[in-house]
Each structure stands twice: as C-alpha cells, then as structure tokens.
Amino acid sequence: MTLLGYPRNSWQVTKEQVDLQRLPLPAKPVTFDAQPQRVTVDLAKSAIVVIDMQNDFCTAGGWLDYVGADITPNRKPVETLNRLLPAMRKADVPVIWLNWGNRPDRLNLSPSVLHVYNQSGEDVGLGGKLPANHSAVLEKGSWGAAIVSELDAQEADIYVDKYRMSGFWDTPLDSILRNLNLHTLFFAGVNLDQCVMATLEDAVCLGYDAILLEDCCATTSPAFCEEATIYNVKQCYGFVAQSTSVLSGMM
C-alpha cells in the first residue's frame, strides 16, 4: 500500500483498494502546572507556534531597533526556547515558525495595515529599506524577516508566512493544523500583546486549545500591556504556563 498524506492524516492506497481509516496515534498525555488550573494535554495532538522571533523584532540593526525601541526584552525568549524546542521535537510535537513574510509588492496589505508601521507616510514601514543594511522590513527573504540566528530552526519544522497581527488571516495555518489533526497549541514569541495575542485569540475562536508559555514570550510594550495580556488569556482564552513546568511534566 502507498501512504497518501501524513502519519497524522492519511489514506492507504493500492490499485484495487483505498483504506480511508485514519489510524490514531498513541496518546501522549502530559500534565503540568498552569493558570488558572493545572492541565493535561495530549502531545500527539499538540503543536508549538513560535511567532515573529525575527531580526526585525529581536536583533540590533532590525526595524524595531531602527525606530528606537529597546529590543532587550525580545531577546529573552531565545534561551527558554532553546531549552524547550529540542524536547518538543523529541516528543514529535510539530514546531511551527509563524513569521511576517510580506510580498515585495505588498498587494495583500491594506492601508490600515500599512499605516500601523508608517504613521506619517514618510517613515520606514513594511517593505521599506533600512538605511544601515538596506534590508526590506519584514519582506519574505530579507535579513529582517529571517529567524534570529541563535534559535535552531530546523528543516523539518513547519514554516508559515503571515501578513497581519494574527497568523490565521490570509494564511494556510488553520488548514495545516486541521490536516495534521492538531488541537492544542502552545504559544511563544513576540510581541506578546500584539501578534502573539492576536493569533491566540483567533485560535480559540476557531476551536483550538490555547496555552501561552509566559517565559517564552516577550514584548517591547510597557509592562501594563504584558500584565493585561496575561490576565486576559487566563480570564478569557485559555491557560498560562511556564516552559519549565511543561518540561517537568514531559520527564
């Protein structure tokens, strides 16, 4: 028989017969501390979504650094992710890199999206060239859109370009998750109160379970923005956990 699809969602095919059964993967239950409650998840139906850990947000010489933001907070998730991601891969949890990767012509970006990054019309916004290195801001294939070099992104990981704060708008993310039969999403990355939160909110509205990994997220926004985001995730959308708790549960 020939396998059509992926182990998580496949048919077995011969010339004479097609087997439409989706054989279930063995469950991998893991329990760990979280807020507002302790949770148990099935790692066989989970993925970790790492959002916008890109040079333009996290590296000296990137766009946020150019506009005068202190990027120091956005460096913090690198260390925790480098501890967590190898364990996730070992447990066969898909690692999804969800990053800005705009078209050079920006034809799918409305003025309302462009204005956020170029409020005067004269700034270096999406697709604009940074004076120092001439990188096109958050454009697919540019230095600024690349994942920071300190993170070990691997070829077998899943890569999804996004074009809004939320990674579900105008992207194949939802189709990929459903095709792989994934229901529980761990969220990490930057900026916590913007792209991470927007994606998490849409995930919950689409029926996914959401677990925010607090120590794998960061923001350059004021502290009250981070506090409000953490509060709202616990209050309205899902669960907040530390990666250390998840790792302990996986042992």
C-alpha atoms as a PDB file:
ATOM      1  CA  MET A   1       0.000   0.000   0.000  1.00  0.00           C
ATOM      2  CA  THR A   2       1.031   3.580  -0.628  1.00  0.00           C
ATOM      3  CA  LEU A   3       0.593   6.201   2.071  1.00  0.00           C
ATOM      4  CA  LEU A   4      -1.165   9.330   0.813  1.00  0.00           C
ATOM      5  CA  GLY A   5      -0.894  12.189   3.268  1.00  0.00           C
ATOM      6  CA  TYR A   6       0.912  12.240   6.581  1.00  0.00           C
ATOM      7  CA  PRO A   7       1.020   9.849   9.538  1.00  0.00           C
ATOM      8  CA  ARG A   8      -1.470  12.090  11.338  1.00  0.00           C
ATOM      9  CA  ASN A   9      -3.945  12.114   8.434  1.00  0.00           C
ATOM     10  CA  SER A  10      -3.525   9.617   5.611  1.00  0.00           C
ATOM     11  CA  TRP A  11      -5.084   7.033   3.310  1.00  0.00           C
ATOM     12  CA  GLN A  12      -3.583   3.650   2.400  1.00  0.00           C
ATOM     13  CA  VAL A  13      -3.892   3.173  -1.368  1.00  0.00           C
ATOM     14  CA  THR A  14      -3.418   0.314  -3.851  1.00  0.00           C
ATOM     15  CA  LYS A  15      -4.739  -0.134  -7.399  1.00  0.00           C
ATOM     16  CA  GLU A  16      -7.608  -2.235  -6.085  1.00  0.00           C
ATOM     17  CA  GLN A  17      -8.445  -0.599  -2.776  1.00  0.00           C
ATOM     18  CA  VAL A  18      -8.330   2.591  -0.748  1.00  0.00           C
ATOM     19  CA  ASP A  19      -8.338   2.382   3.048  1.00  0.00           C
ATOM     20  CA  LEU A  20      -9.828   5.601   4.439  1.00  0.00           C
ATOM     21  CA  GLN A  21      -9.186   4.753   8.073  1.00  0.00           C
ATOM     22  CA  ARG A  22      -7.104   7.267   9.938  1.00  0.00           C
ATOM     23  CA  LEU A  23      -5.237   5.143  12.425  1.00  0.00           C
ATOM     24  CA  PRO A  24      -4.970   7.095  15.682  1.00  0.00           C
ATOM     25  CA  LEU A  25      -1.565   7.997  17.007  1.00  0.00           C
ATOM     26  CA  PRO A  26      -0.856   6.684  20.509  1.00  0.00           C
ATOM     27  CA  ALA A  27      -1.814   9.291  23.082  1.00  0.00           C
ATOM     28  CA  LYS A  28       1.000  11.147  24.854  1.00  0.00           C
ATOM     29  CA  PRO A  29      -0.651  12.689  27.918  1.00  0.00           C
ATOM     30  CA  VAL A  30       1.366  15.246  29.846  1.00  0.00           C
ATOM     31  CA  THR A  31       0.229  17.082  32.979  1.00  0.00           C
ATOM     32  CA  PHE A  32       1.776  20.329  34.200  1.00  0.00           C
ATOM     33  CA  ASP A  33       1.085  23.358  36.363  1.00  0.00           C
ATOM     34  CA  ALA A  34      -0.691  26.262  34.688  1.00  0.00           C
ATOM     35  CA  GLN A  35      -3.074  29.085  35.499  1.00  0.00           C
ATOM     36  CA  PRO A  36      -5.939  29.257  36.210  1.00  0.00           C
ATOM     37  CA  GLN A  37      -5.807  25.449  36.536  1.00  0.00           C
ATOM     38  CA  ARG A  38      -3.427  22.531  36.215  1.00  0.00           C
ATOM     39  CA  VAL A  39      -3.862  20.976  32.768  1.00  0.00           C
ATOM     40  CA  THR A  40      -3.330  17.693  30.951  1.00  0.00           C
ATOM     41  CA  VAL A  41      -2.692  17.754  27.199  1.00  0.00           C
ATOM     42  CA  ASP A  42      -2.112  15.104  24.556  1.00  0.00           C
ATOM     43  CA  LEU A  43       1.223  15.900  22.922  1.00  0.00           C
ATOM     44  CA  ALA A  44       0.214  13.701  19.979  1.00  0.00           C
ATOM     45  CA  LYS A  45      -2.401  16.346  19.134  1.00  0.00           C
ATOM     46  CA  SER A  46      -0.355  19.417  20.065  1.00  0.00           C
ATOM     47  CA  ALA A  47       1.963  21.886  18.337  1.00  0.00           C
ATOM     48  CA  ILE A  48       4.086  24.802  19.463  1.00  0.00           C
ATOM     49  CA  VAL A  49       3.658  28.031  17.489  1.00  0.00           C
ATOM     50  CA  VAL A  50       6.649  30.388  17.676  1.00  0.00           C
ATOM     51  CA  ILE A  51       5.701  33.852  16.476  1.00  0.00           C
ATOM     52  CA  ASP A  52       7.887  36.606  14.988  1.00  0.00           C
ATOM     53  CA  MET A  53      11.244  35.705  16.505  1.00  0.00           C
ATOM     54  CA  GLN A  54      12.761  37.629  13.598  1.00  0.00           C
ATOM     55  CA  ASN A  55      15.684  40.005  13.186  1.00  0.00           C
ATOM     56  CA  ASP A  56      13.417  42.998  12.602  1.00  0.00           C
ATOM     57  CA  PHE A  57      11.928  42.491  16.078  1.00  0.00           C
ATOM     58  CA  CYS A  58      14.763  40.938  18.058  1.00  0.00           C
ATOM     59  CA  THR A  59      18.164  41.908  16.647  1.00  0.00           C
ATOM     60  CA  ALA A  60      20.296  45.046  16.704  1.00  0.00           C
ATOM     61  CA  GLY A  61      20.031  46.710  13.312  1.00  0.00           C
ATOM     62  CA  GLY A  62      16.498  45.423  12.748  1.00  0.00           C
ATOM     63  CA  TRP A  63      13.394  47.525  12.257  1.00  0.00           C
ATOM     64  CA  LEU A  64      12.366  47.856  15.923  1.00  0.00           C
ATOM     65  CA  ASP A  65      15.910  48.834  16.835  1.00  0.00           C
ATOM     66  CA  TYR A  66      15.912  51.374  13.996  1.00  0.00           C
ATOM     67  CA  VAL A  67      12.726  53.069  15.214  1.00  0.00           C
ATOM     68  CA  GLY A  68      14.194  53.419  18.709  1.00  0.00           C
ATOM     69  CA  ALA A  69      12.555  50.569  20.615  1.00  0.00           C
ATOM     70  CA  ASP A  70      14.511  48.762  23.314  1.00  0.00           C
ATOM     71  CA  ILE A  71      14.722  45.247  21.892  1.00  0.00           C
ATOM     72  CA  THR A  72      16.319  43.798  25.035  1.00  0.00           C
ATOM     73  CA  PRO A  73      13.060  42.182  26.249  1.00  0.00           C
ATOM     74  CA  ASN A  74      12.557  40.452  22.909  1.00  0.00           C
ATOM     75  CA  ARG A  75      15.850  38.625  23.336  1.00  0.00           C
ATOM     76  CA  LYS A  76      14.651  36.823  26.466  1.00  0.00           C
ATOM     77  CA  PRO A  77      12.658  34.003  24.798  1.00  0.00           C
ATOM     78  CA  VAL A  78      15.754  32.784  22.924  1.00  0.00           C
ATOM     79  CA  GLU A  79      17.207  30.970  25.937  1.00  0.00           C
ATOM     80  CA  THR A  80      13.964  29.356  27.064  1.00  0.00           C
ATOM     81  CA  LEU A  81      13.031  28.297  23.538  1.00  0.00           C
ATOM     82  CA  ASN A  82      16.435  26.719  23.035  1.00  0.00           C
ATOM     83  CA  ARG A  83      15.726  24.528  26.067  1.00  0.00           C
ATOM     84  CA  LEU A  84      12.131  23.717  25.148  1.00  0.00           C
ATOM     85  CA  LEU A  85      12.166  23.109  21.397  1.00  0.00           C
ATOM     86  CA  PRO A  86      14.526  20.090  21.398  1.00  0.00           C
ATOM     87  CA  ALA A  87      12.251  18.370  23.919  1.00  0.00           C
ATOM     88  CA  MET A  88       9.193  19.179  21.818  1.00  0.00           C
ATOM     89  CA  ARG A  89      10.809  17.739  18.705  1.00  0.00           C
ATOM     90  CA  LYS A  90      11.885  14.623  20.621  1.00  0.00           C
ATOM     91  CA  ALA A  91       8.226  14.138  21.595  1.00  0.00           C
ATOM     92  CA  ASP A  92       7.198  14.574  17.916  1.00  0.00           C
ATOM     93  CA  VAL A  93       5.404  17.839  18.657  1.00  0.00           C
ATOM     94  CA  PRO A  94       5.437  19.947  15.472  1.00  0.00           C
ATOM     95  CA  VAL A  95       7.354  23.221  15.743  1.00  0.00           C
ATOM     96  CA  ILE A  96       5.640  25.924  13.697  1.00  0.00           C
ATOM     97  CA  TRP A  97       7.502  29.143  12.897  1.00  0.00           C
ATOM     98  CA  LEU A  98       4.856  31.781  12.200  1.00  0.00           C
ATOM     99  CA  ASN A  99       6.568  34.878  10.820  1.00  0.00           C
ATOM    100  CA  TRP A 100       5.908  38.049   8.908  1.00  0.00           C
ATOM    101  CA  GLY A 101       6.908  37.355   5.294  1.00  0.00           C
ATOM    102  CA  ASN A 102       5.364  40.021   3.099  1.00  0.00           C
ATOM    103  CA  ARG A 103       5.220  40.092  -0.688  1.00  0.00           C
ATOM    104  CA  PRO A 104       7.609  42.604  -2.281  1.00  0.00           C
ATOM    105  CA  ASP A 105       4.624  44.349  -3.914  1.00  0.00           C
ATOM    106  CA  ARG A 106       2.554  44.260  -0.673  1.00  0.00           C
ATOM    107  CA  LEU A 107      -0.600  43.845  -2.758  1.00  0.00           C
ATOM    108  CA  ASN A 108      -2.410  41.963   0.022  1.00  0.00           C
ATOM    109  CA  LEU A 109      -1.793  44.685   2.644  1.00  0.00           C
ATOM    110  CA  SER A 110      -4.491  47.289   3.139  1.00  0.00           C
ATOM    111  CA  PRO A 111      -3.793  50.916   4.137  1.00  0.00           C
ATOM    112  CA  SER A 112      -4.990  50.096   7.663  1.00  0.00           C
ATOM    113  CA  VAL A 113      -2.199  47.520   7.990  1.00  0.00           C
ATOM    114  CA  LEU A 114       0.462  49.680   6.330  1.00  0.00           C
ATOM    115  CA  HIS A 115      -0.377  52.710   8.485  1.00  0.00           C
ATOM    116  CA  VAL A 116       0.464  50.897  11.725  1.00  0.00           C
ATOM    117  CA  TYR A 117       4.083  50.685  10.585  1.00  0.00           C
ATOM    118  CA  ASN A 118       4.296  54.044   8.795  1.00  0.00           C
ATOM    119  CA  GLN A 119       2.017  56.522  10.511  1.00  0.00           C
ATOM    120  CA  SER A 120       3.462  59.663   8.922  1.00  0.00           C
ATOM    121  CA  GLY A 121       3.751  58.161   5.459  1.00  0.00           C
ATOM    122  CA  GLU A 122       7.402  59.182   5.489  1.00  0.00           C
ATOM    123  CA  ASP A 123       8.798  56.549   7.869  1.00  0.00           C
ATOM    124  CA  VAL A 124      10.461  53.229   7.009  1.00  0.00           C
ATOM    125  CA  GLY A 125       7.459  50.916   7.145  1.00  0.00           C
ATOM    126  CA  LEU A 126       6.646  47.459   5.807  1.00  0.00           C
ATOM    127  CA  GLY A 127       8.835  46.780   2.789  1.00  0.00           C
ATOM    128  CA  GLY A 128      10.861  49.945   3.303  1.00  0.00           C
ATOM    129  CA  LYS A 129      14.653  49.691   3.169  1.00  0.00           C
ATOM    130  CA  LEU A 130      16.537  50.187   6.428  1.00  0.00           C
ATOM    131  CA  PRO A 131      19.250  52.808   5.857  1.00  0.00           C
ATOM    132  CA  ALA A 132      22.085  50.877   7.515  1.00  0.00           C
ATOM    133  CA  ASN A 133      21.736  47.465   5.859  1.00  0.00           C
ATOM    134  CA  HIS A 134      19.119  48.045   3.118  1.00  0.00           C
ATOM    135  CA  SER A 135      17.027  45.137   4.391  1.00  0.00           C
ATOM    136  CA  ALA A 136      13.379  45.392   3.328  1.00  0.00           C
ATOM    137  CA  VAL A 137      11.326  45.468   6.530  1.00  0.00           C
ATOM    138  CA  LEU A 138       9.595  42.117   7.162  1.00  0.00           C
ATOM    139  CA  GLU A 139       9.709  41.203   3.476  1.00  0.00           C
ATOM    140  CA  LYS A 140       9.947  37.494   2.692  1.00  0.00           C
ATOM    141  CA  GLY A 141      13.557  36.524   2.057  1.00  0.00           C
ATOM    142  CA  SER A 142      15.040  39.636   3.657  1.00  0.00           C
ATOM    143  CA  TRP A 143      17.533  39.656   6.516  1.00  0.00           C
ATOM    144  CA  GLY A 144      14.965  41.358   8.732  1.00  0.00           C
ATOM    145  CA  ALA A 145      12.363  38.642   8.172  1.00  0.00           C
ATOM    146  CA  ALA A 146      14.816  35.832   8.975  1.00  0.00           C
ATOM    147  CA  ILE A 147      14.559  33.945  12.268  1.00  0.00           C
ATOM    148  CA  VAL A 148      17.217  35.087  14.717  1.00  0.00           C
ATOM    149  CA  SER A 149      20.373  33.060  14.247  1.00  0.00           C
ATOM    150  CA  GLU A 150      20.570  31.997  17.893  1.00  0.00           C
ATOM    151  CA  LEU A 151      17.425  29.876  17.504  1.00  0.00           C
ATOM    152  CA  ASP A 152      17.868  26.429  15.997  1.00  0.00           C
ATOM    153  CA  ALA A 153      15.147  26.399  13.349  1.00  0.00           C
ATOM    154  CA  GLN A 154      15.316  23.049  11.564  1.00  0.00           C
ATOM    155  CA  GLU A 155      14.402  21.986   8.053  1.00  0.00           C
ATOM    156  CA  ALA A 156      11.791  19.535   9.325  1.00  0.00           C
ATOM    157  CA  ASP A 157       9.946  22.299  11.192  1.00  0.00           C
ATOM    158  CA  ILE A 158       6.869  23.942   9.669  1.00  0.00           C
ATOM    159  CA  TYR A 159       7.125  27.495   8.308  1.00  0.00           C
ATOM    160  CA  VAL A 160       4.112  29.747   7.739  1.00  0.00           C
ATOM    161  CA  ASP A 161       4.236  33.339   6.481  1.00  0.00           C
ATOM    162  CA  LYS A 162       1.768  35.815   7.918  1.00  0.00           C
ATOM    163  CA  TYR A 163       0.644  39.270   6.834  1.00  0.00           C
ATOM    164  CA  ARG A 164      -1.337  40.583   9.799  1.00  0.00           C
ATOM    165  CA  MET A 165      -1.027  40.655  13.561  1.00  0.00           C
ATOM    166  CA  SER A 166      -2.974  37.396  13.568  1.00  0.00           C
ATOM    167  CA  GLY A 167      -1.352  34.440  11.883  1.00  0.00           C
ATOM    168  CA  PHE A 168      -4.725  32.992  10.878  1.00  0.00           C
ATOM    169  CA  TRP A 169      -5.757  35.746   8.462  1.00  0.00           C
ATOM    170  CA  ASP A 170      -4.956  35.095   4.790  1.00  0.00           C
ATOM    171  CA  THR A 171      -2.582  32.207   5.646  1.00  0.00           C
ATOM    172  CA  PRO A 172      -2.683  28.369   5.477  1.00  0.00           C
ATOM    173  CA  LEU A 173      -2.121  27.983   9.230  1.00  0.00           C
ATOM    174  CA  ASP A 174      -5.622  26.727  10.034  1.00  0.00           C
ATOM    175  CA  SER A 175      -5.582  24.260   7.124  1.00  0.00           C
ATOM    176  CA  ILE A 176      -2.202  22.879   8.204  1.00  0.00           C
ATOM    177  CA  LEU A 177      -3.302  22.406  11.809  1.00  0.00           C
ATOM    178  CA  ARG A 178      -6.546  20.677  10.856  1.00  0.00           C
ATOM    179  CA  ASN A 179      -4.846  18.469   8.266  1.00  0.00           C
ATOM    180  CA  LEU A 180      -2.369  17.312  10.913  1.00  0.00           C
ATOM    181  CA  ASN A 181      -5.176  16.715  13.438  1.00  0.00           C
ATOM    182  CA  LEU A 182      -3.742  19.174  15.956  1.00  0.00           C
ATOM    183  CA  HIS A 183      -5.989  20.629  18.637  1.00  0.00           C
ATOM    184  CA  THR A 184      -3.795  22.076  21.403  1.00  0.00           C
ATOM    185  CA  LEU A 185      -1.442  24.961  20.652  1.00  0.00           C
ATOM    186  CA  PHE A 186       1.421  26.239  22.787  1.00  0.00           C
ATOM    187  CA  PHE A 187       2.173  29.883  22.009  1.00  0.00           C
ATOM    188  CA  ALA A 188       5.577  31.593  22.162  1.00  0.00           C
ATOM    189  CA  GLY A 189       7.290  34.617  20.635  1.00  0.00           C
ATOM    190  CA  VAL A 190       6.908  38.378  20.275  1.00  0.00           C
ATOM    191  CA  ASN A 191       5.299  40.781  20.714  1.00  0.00           C
ATOM    192  CA  LEU A 192       3.187  39.152  23.396  1.00  0.00           C
ATOM    193  CA  ASP A 193       0.447  41.782  23.456  1.00  0.00           C
ATOM    194  CA  GLN A 194       0.248  42.172  19.691  1.00  0.00           C
ATOM    195  CA  CYS A 195       0.906  39.323  17.230  1.00  0.00           C
ATOM    196  CA  VAL A 196       1.051  36.552  19.845  1.00  0.00           C
ATOM    197  CA  MET A 197      -2.205  37.633  21.466  1.00  0.00           C
ATOM    198  CA  ALA A 198      -3.996  38.287  18.163  1.00  0.00           C
ATOM    199  CA  THR A 199      -3.090  34.808  16.918  1.00  0.00           C
ATOM    200  CA  LEU A 200      -4.039  33.165  20.219  1.00  0.00           C
ATOM    201  CA  GLU A 201      -7.432  34.888  20.251  1.00  0.00           C
ATOM    202  CA  ASP A 202      -8.221  33.738  16.734  1.00  0.00           C
ATOM    203  CA  ALA A 203      -7.050  30.222  17.571  1.00  0.00           C
ATOM    204  CA  VAL A 204      -9.537  29.993  20.419  1.00  0.00           C
ATOM    205  CA  CYS A 205     -12.322  31.412  18.238  1.00  0.00           C
ATOM    206  CA  LEU A 206     -11.545  28.655  15.724  1.00  0.00           C
ATOM    207  CA  GLY A 207     -11.831  25.972  18.414  1.00  0.00           C
ATOM    208  CA  TYR A 208      -8.204  25.292  19.350  1.00  0.00           C
ATOM    209  CA  ASP A 209      -6.951  24.903  22.926  1.00  0.00           C
ATOM    210  CA  ALA A 210      -4.508  27.701  23.809  1.00  0.00           C
ATOM    211  CA  ILE A 211      -1.606  27.553  26.252  1.00  0.00           C
ATOM    212  CA  LEU A 212       0.527  30.671  26.498  1.00  0.00           C
ATOM    213  CA  LEU A 213       4.122  29.955  27.519  1.00  0.00           C
ATOM    214  CA  GLU A 214       4.822  33.063  29.552  1.00  0.00           C
ATOM    215  CA  ASP A 215       8.589  32.631  29.816  1.00  0.00           C
ATOM    216  CA  CYS A 216       8.825  32.029  26.053  1.00  0.00           C
ATOM    217  CA  CYS A 217       7.114  35.325  25.217  1.00  0.00           C
ATOM    218  CA  ALA A 218       8.147  38.967  25.435  1.00  0.00           C
ATOM    219  CA  THR A 219       7.180  42.453  24.318  1.00  0.00           C
ATOM    220  CA  THR A 220       8.735  45.861  23.893  1.00  0.00           C
ATOM    221  CA  SER A 221       5.477  47.430  25.093  1.00  0.00           C
ATOM    222  CA  PRO A 222       5.054  48.906  28.594  1.00  0.00           C
ATOM    223  CA  ALA A 223       4.712  46.444  31.480  1.00  0.00           C
ATOM    224  CA  PHE A 224       0.987  47.056  31.869  1.00  0.00           C
ATOM    225  CA  CYS A 225       0.430  45.684  28.344  1.00  0.00           C
ATOM    226  CA  GLU A 226       2.093  42.414  29.301  1.00  0.00           C
ATOM    227  CA  GLU A 227       0.136  42.232  32.548  1.00  0.00           C
ATOM    228  CA  ALA A 228      -3.170  42.834  30.770  1.00  0.00           C
ATOM    229  CA  THR A 229      -2.402  40.184  28.157  1.00  0.00           C
ATOM    230  CA  ILE A 230      -1.550  37.545  30.753  1.00  0.00           C
ATOM    231  CA  TYR A 231      -4.692  38.433  32.700  1.00  0.00           C
ATOM    232  CA  ASN A 232      -6.917  38.196  29.624  1.00  0.00           C
ATOM    233  CA  VAL A 233      -5.510  34.847  28.498  1.00  0.00           C
ATOM    234  CA  LYS A 234      -6.228  33.350  31.930  1.00  0.00           C
ATOM    235  CA  GLN A 235      -9.607  35.061  32.191  1.00  0.00           C
ATOM    236  CA  CYS A 236     -10.993  34.629  28.682  1.00  0.00           C
ATOM    237  CA  TYR A 237      -8.989  32.425  26.351  1.00  0.00           C
ATOM    238  CA  GLY A 238      -7.049  29.569  27.880  1.00  0.00           C
ATOM    239  CA  PHE A 239      -4.099  28.846  30.118  1.00  0.00           C
ATOM    240  CA  VAL A 240      -0.762  30.393  31.046  1.00  0.00           C
ATOM    241  CA  ALA A 241       2.195  28.145  31.868  1.00  0.00           C
ATOM    242  CA  GLN A 242       5.955  28.262  32.204  1.00  0.00           C
ATOM    243  CA  SER A 243       8.093  26.198  29.849  1.00  0.00           C
ATOM    244  CA  THR A 244       9.865  24.783  32.899  1.00  0.00           C
ATOM    245  CA  SER A 245       6.567  23.302  34.091  1.00  0.00           C
ATOM    246  CA  VAL A 246       5.913  21.769  30.681  1.00  0.00           C
ATOM    247  CA  LEU A 247       9.403  20.271  30.583  1.00  0.00           C
ATOM    248  CA  SER A 248       8.952  18.836  34.075  1.00  0.00           C
ATOM    249  CA  GLY A 249       5.702  17.225  33.003  1.00  0.00           C
ATOM    250  CA  MET A 250       7.396  15.674  29.977  1.00  0.00           C
ATOM    251  CA  MET A 251      10.044  13.908  32.061  1.00  0.00           C
END
